[in-house]
Protein backbone atom coordinates (compact mmCIF):
# COMPACT_ATOMS: atom_id res chain seq x y z
CA UNK A 1 14.08 -39.72 7.06
CA UNK A 2 13.33 -38.76 3.82
CA UNK A 3 15.15 -35.13 2.90
CA UNK A 4 12.76 -31.94 2.35
CA UNK A 5 13.38 -29.97 -0.53
CA UNK A 6 12.61 -26.22 -0.05
CA UNK A 7 11.85 -24.35 -3.02
CA UNK A 8 11.45 -20.55 -3.12
CA UNK A 9 9.90 -18.92 -6.04
CA UNK A 10 10.74 -15.58 -7.12
CA UNK A 11 9.49 -12.99 -9.29
CA UNK A 12 12.08 -10.73 -10.71
CA UNK A 13 11.32 -7.80 -12.91
CA UNK A 14 13.00 -4.77 -13.61
CA UNK A 15 11.29 -1.22 -12.27
CA UNK A 16 12.51 2.40 -12.30
CA UNK A 17 11.91 5.57 -10.38
CA UNK A 18 9.38 8.21 -12.24
CA UNK A 19 10.48 11.65 -12.00
CA UNK A 20 8.27 12.36 -8.96
CA UNK A 21 9.84 9.34 -7.23
CA UNK A 22 7.28 6.81 -7.73
CA UNK A 23 7.96 2.79 -8.29
CA UNK A 24 4.74 0.96 -9.73
CA UNK A 25 4.72 -2.32 -8.55
CA UNK A 26 4.54 -4.62 -11.36
CA UNK A 27 1.04 -6.28 -12.71
CA UNK A 28 2.05 -10.10 -11.90
CA UNK A 29 2.94 -9.16 -8.35
CA UNK A 30 0.03 -7.08 -7.69
CA UNK A 31 -2.25 -9.92 -8.69
CA UNK A 32 -0.26 -12.89 -6.89
CA UNK A 33 -0.65 -10.61 -3.60
CA UNK A 34 -3.83 -9.13 -4.54
CA UNK A 35 -2.80 -5.65 -3.89
CA UNK A 36 -5.69 -3.19 -5.14
CA UNK A 37 -5.78 0.41 -5.49
CA UNK A 38 -5.38 2.19 -2.06
CA UNK A 39 -3.35 -0.61 -0.29
CA UNK A 40 -1.26 0.36 2.36
CA UNK A 41 2.73 -0.22 2.88
CA UNK A 42 5.16 0.05 5.22
CA UNK A 43 8.89 0.98 4.05
CA UNK A 44 11.73 -0.65 5.52
CA UNK A 45 15.38 0.80 4.87
CA UNK A 46 17.32 -2.53 5.52
CA UNK A 47 21.21 -1.41 4.89
CA UNK A 48 21.34 -2.91 0.96
CA UNK A 49 17.62 -3.26 0.54
CA UNK A 50 14.38 -2.05 0.69
CA UNK A 51 11.31 -4.23 1.77
CA UNK A 52 8.24 -3.57 1.35
CA UNK A 53 5.32 -5.23 3.68
CA UNK A 54 1.80 -4.46 3.46
CA UNK A 55 -0.16 -3.37 6.05
CA UNK A 56 -3.18 -5.43 7.41
CA UNK A 57 -5.71 -3.43 9.44
CA UNK A 58 -7.41 -4.98 11.45
């Protein structure tokens, strides 16, 4: 059997928190995931990282 290669592509961009506590999602990421104004997310505090998960309403 041949070996399968796992390829993970990441977009890494530096962002900062503004004076109102907001973080802007970079356009390249918004475009890739089709995030439009009004999209809703769940934010998860997971020890040493923050996870932003899009809510898909059915």
